[in-house]
Amino acid sequence: MSRPSTWAPKVAALVQSGNRSAALAQIKVAPSVRDVQQLRDLLVKNKQMAAYRDIDQATADQIVALSAPRLHRSP
């Protein structure tokens, strides 16, 4: 069994603390689509997604980027 990822709660804590630039940097290097979706769910649950449009846009863009074929990325 795999361990649950702790990436999303850590990035959500960055957003909650007000360090949005660090959160945006972490979103750009997100490990998987599942982690980004979990982050979005946490922010919606805490009613922070509407307050931070840049985080909303970055997570949506990263989901699209990670969902695309990886032909152009190195292994």
N, C-alpha and C. Protein backbone atom coordinates (compact mmCIF):
# COMPACT_ATOMS: atom_id res chain seq x y z
N MET A 1 0.84 -1.18 0.00
CA MET A 1 0.00 0.00 0.00
C MET A 1 0.88 1.25 0.00
N SER A 2 0.44 2.23 -0.70
CA SER A 2 1.22 3.46 -0.74
C SER A 2 0.79 4.40 0.39
N ARG A 3 1.74 5.20 0.79
CA ARG A 3 1.45 6.17 1.84
C ARG A 3 0.71 7.36 1.24
N PRO A 4 -0.17 7.97 2.01
CA PRO A 4 -0.86 9.16 1.49
C PRO A 4 0.13 10.32 1.32
N SER A 5 -0.08 11.10 0.32
CA SER A 5 0.80 12.22 0.03
C SER A 5 0.55 13.35 1.02
N THR A 6 1.62 13.98 1.45
CA THR A 6 1.50 15.13 2.36
C THR A 6 1.74 16.44 1.63
N TRP A 7 1.87 16.40 0.31
CA TRP A 7 2.17 17.59 -0.45
C TRP A 7 1.03 18.62 -0.37
N ALA A 8 -0.19 18.19 -0.59
CA ALA A 8 -1.33 19.12 -0.63
C ALA A 8 -1.55 19.84 0.70
N PRO A 9 -1.54 19.15 1.85
CA PRO A 9 -1.71 19.89 3.11
C PRO A 9 -0.59 20.89 3.38
N LYS A 10 0.63 20.56 2.95
CA LYS A 10 1.74 21.48 3.15
C LYS A 10 1.59 22.74 2.30
N VAL A 11 1.17 22.57 1.06
CA VAL A 11 0.98 23.73 0.18
C VAL A 11 -0.23 24.54 0.64
N ALA A 12 -1.27 23.86 1.12
CA ALA A 12 -2.43 24.58 1.66
C ALA A 12 -2.02 25.41 2.88
N ALA A 13 -1.10 24.89 3.68
CA ALA A 13 -0.61 25.66 4.84
C ALA A 13 0.17 26.89 4.38
N LEU A 14 0.90 26.78 3.28
CA LEU A 14 1.59 27.95 2.73
C LEU A 14 0.59 29.02 2.31
N VAL A 15 -0.49 28.60 1.67
CA VAL A 15 -1.52 29.56 1.24
C VAL A 15 -2.16 30.20 2.46
N GLN A 16 -2.49 29.41 3.45
CA GLN A 16 -3.15 29.93 4.65
C GLN A 16 -2.26 30.89 5.43
N SER A 17 -0.94 30.66 5.39
CA SER A 17 -0.03 31.54 6.11
C SER A 17 0.24 32.84 5.36
N GLY A 18 -0.21 32.91 4.10
CA GLY A 18 -0.04 34.14 3.33
C GLY A 18 1.17 34.13 2.43
N ASN A 19 1.90 33.04 2.37
CA ASN A 19 3.08 32.93 1.53
C ASN A 19 2.69 32.37 0.17
N ARG A 20 1.98 33.19 -0.59
CA ARG A 20 1.45 32.72 -1.87
C ARG A 20 2.53 32.51 -2.91
N SER A 21 3.61 33.27 -2.86
CA SER A 21 4.67 33.08 -3.85
C SER A 21 5.32 31.71 -3.69
N ALA A 22 5.53 31.26 -2.46
CA ALA A 22 6.08 29.92 -2.24
C ALA A 22 5.07 28.86 -2.65
N ALA A 23 3.79 29.10 -2.41
CA ALA A 23 2.76 28.15 -2.80
C ALA A 23 2.69 28.03 -4.32
N LEU A 24 2.79 29.16 -5.02
CA LEU A 24 2.77 29.13 -6.49
C LEU A 24 3.98 28.37 -7.03
N ALA A 25 5.14 28.56 -6.40
CA ALA A 25 6.33 27.84 -6.84
C ALA A 25 6.16 26.33 -6.63
N GLN A 26 5.55 25.93 -5.54
CA GLN A 26 5.31 24.52 -5.28
C GLN A 26 4.28 23.93 -6.24
N ILE A 27 3.28 24.72 -6.58
CA ILE A 27 2.26 24.25 -7.52
C ILE A 27 2.88 23.99 -8.89
N LYS A 28 3.85 24.82 -9.29
CA LYS A 28 4.48 24.65 -10.60
C LYS A 28 5.31 23.38 -10.68
N VAL A 29 5.72 22.82 -9.54
CA VAL A 29 6.49 21.58 -9.55
C VAL A 29 5.72 20.46 -8.86
N ALA A 30 4.41 20.50 -8.97
CA ALA A 30 3.54 19.51 -8.34
C ALA A 30 3.87 18.11 -8.81
N PRO A 31 3.83 17.13 -7.90
CA PRO A 31 4.19 15.76 -8.29
C PRO A 31 3.18 15.04 -9.17
N SER A 32 1.88 15.34 -9.01
CA SER A 32 0.88 14.61 -9.81
C SER A 32 -0.42 15.41 -9.87
N VAL A 33 -1.27 14.99 -10.81
CA VAL A 33 -2.59 15.61 -10.95
C VAL A 33 -3.41 15.37 -9.69
N ARG A 34 -3.30 14.17 -9.14
CA ARG A 34 -4.05 13.83 -7.93
C ARG A 34 -3.72 14.77 -6.77
N ASP A 35 -2.45 15.12 -6.64
CA ASP A 35 -2.03 16.02 -5.57
C ASP A 35 -2.59 17.43 -5.77
N VAL A 36 -2.58 17.89 -7.00
CA VAL A 36 -3.11 19.23 -7.29
C VAL A 36 -4.62 19.27 -7.05
N GLN A 37 -5.30 18.20 -7.45
CA GLN A 37 -6.75 18.15 -7.21
C GLN A 37 -7.05 18.08 -5.72
N GLN A 38 -6.22 17.37 -4.97
CA GLN A 38 -6.40 17.32 -3.51
C GLN A 38 -6.18 18.71 -2.91
N LEU A 39 -5.21 19.45 -3.41
CA LEU A 39 -4.98 20.83 -2.94
C LEU A 39 -6.19 21.69 -3.24
N ARG A 40 -6.72 21.58 -4.45
CA ARG A 40 -7.92 22.37 -4.80
C ARG A 40 -9.09 22.04 -3.86
N ASP A 41 -9.26 20.75 -3.56
CA ASP A 41 -10.33 20.34 -2.66
C ASP A 41 -10.14 20.93 -1.26
N LEU A 42 -8.91 20.93 -0.78
CA LEU A 42 -8.63 21.50 0.55
C LEU A 42 -8.92 23.01 0.58
N LEU A 43 -8.53 23.70 -0.48
CA LEU A 43 -8.75 25.15 -0.52
C LEU A 43 -10.23 25.50 -0.68
N VAL A 44 -10.97 24.69 -1.41
CA VAL A 44 -12.41 24.92 -1.54
C VAL A 44 -13.09 24.65 -0.21
N LYS A 45 -12.67 23.59 0.46
CA LYS A 45 -13.26 23.24 1.76
C LYS A 45 -13.00 24.34 2.79
N ASN A 46 -11.84 24.98 2.72
CA ASN A 46 -11.50 26.06 3.66
C ASN A 46 -11.95 27.43 3.17
N LYS A 47 -12.66 27.45 2.03
CA LYS A 47 -13.21 28.68 1.44
C LYS A 47 -12.12 29.70 1.13
N GLN A 48 -10.99 29.22 0.63
CA GLN A 48 -9.89 30.10 0.26
C GLN A 48 -9.70 30.21 -1.24
N MET A 49 -10.31 29.32 -1.99
CA MET A 49 -10.10 29.33 -3.44
C MET A 49 -10.66 30.61 -4.06
N ALA A 50 -11.77 31.09 -3.59
CA ALA A 50 -12.37 32.30 -4.15
C ALA A 50 -11.54 33.54 -3.82
N ALA A 51 -10.85 33.52 -2.70
CA ALA A 51 -10.07 34.68 -2.28
C ALA A 51 -8.76 34.80 -3.04
N TYR A 52 -8.22 33.69 -3.53
CA TYR A 52 -6.92 33.70 -4.20
C TYR A 52 -7.08 33.23 -5.64
N ARG A 53 -7.37 34.16 -6.52
CA ARG A 53 -7.58 33.83 -7.93
C ARG A 53 -6.30 33.32 -8.59
N ASP A 54 -5.14 33.82 -8.16
CA ASP A 54 -3.89 33.37 -8.76
C ASP A 54 -3.61 31.90 -8.43
N ILE A 55 -3.96 31.47 -7.22
CA ILE A 55 -3.80 30.07 -6.84
C ILE A 55 -4.78 29.21 -7.63
N ASP A 56 -6.00 29.70 -7.79
CA ASP A 56 -7.02 28.99 -8.57
C ASP A 56 -6.54 28.78 -10.01
N GLN A 57 -6.03 29.83 -10.62
CA GLN A 57 -5.56 29.74 -12.00
C GLN A 57 -4.34 28.84 -12.11
N ALA A 58 -3.42 28.94 -11.17
CA ALA A 58 -2.20 28.11 -11.22
C ALA A 58 -2.52 26.63 -11.07
N THR A 59 -3.45 26.29 -10.18
CA THR A 59 -3.79 24.88 -10.01
C THR A 59 -4.51 24.35 -11.25
N ALA A 60 -5.39 25.16 -11.82
CA ALA A 60 -6.09 24.72 -13.04
C ALA A 60 -5.10 24.52 -14.18
N ASP A 61 -4.15 25.44 -14.33
CA ASP A 61 -3.14 25.32 -15.38
C ASP A 61 -2.26 24.10 -15.17
N GLN A 62 -1.91 23.83 -13.92
CA GLN A 62 -1.04 22.69 -13.64
C GLN A 62 -1.74 21.36 -13.87
N ILE A 63 -3.03 21.30 -13.60
CA ILE A 63 -3.78 20.08 -13.89
C ILE A 63 -3.77 19.81 -15.39
N VAL A 64 -3.95 20.84 -16.18
CA VAL A 64 -3.91 20.69 -17.64
C VAL A 64 -2.51 20.26 -18.08
N ALA A 65 -1.49 20.89 -17.52
CA ALA A 65 -0.11 20.57 -17.93
C ALA A 65 0.26 19.14 -17.55
N LEU A 66 -0.12 18.71 -16.37
CA LEU A 66 0.22 17.35 -15.94
C LEU A 66 -0.62 16.29 -16.64
N SER A 67 -1.78 16.67 -17.14
CA SER A 67 -2.65 15.72 -17.83
C SER A 67 -2.22 15.50 -19.28
N ALA A 68 -1.45 16.41 -19.81
CA ALA A 68 -1.01 16.31 -21.21
C ALA A 68 0.02 15.20 -21.36
N PRO A 69 0.17 14.69 -22.57
CA PRO A 69 1.19 13.66 -22.81
C PRO A 69 2.58 14.19 -22.48
N ARG A 70 3.44 13.34 -22.02
CA ARG A 70 4.76 13.75 -21.57
C ARG A 70 5.83 13.52 -22.63
N LEU A 71 5.52 13.70 -23.86
CA LEU A 71 6.49 13.47 -24.92
C LEU A 71 7.64 14.48 -24.91
N HIS A 72 7.38 15.67 -24.44
CA HIS A 72 8.39 16.72 -24.48
C HIS A 72 9.22 16.80 -23.19
N ARG A 73 8.91 15.99 -22.19
CA ARG A 73 9.63 16.05 -20.92
C ARG A 73 10.67 14.94 -20.84
N SER A 74 11.74 15.26 -20.17
CA SER A 74 12.77 14.23 -19.99
C SER A 74 12.33 13.25 -18.90
N PRO A 75 12.81 12.03 -18.96
CA PRO A 75 12.38 11.01 -17.97
C PRO A 75 12.94 11.26 -16.59
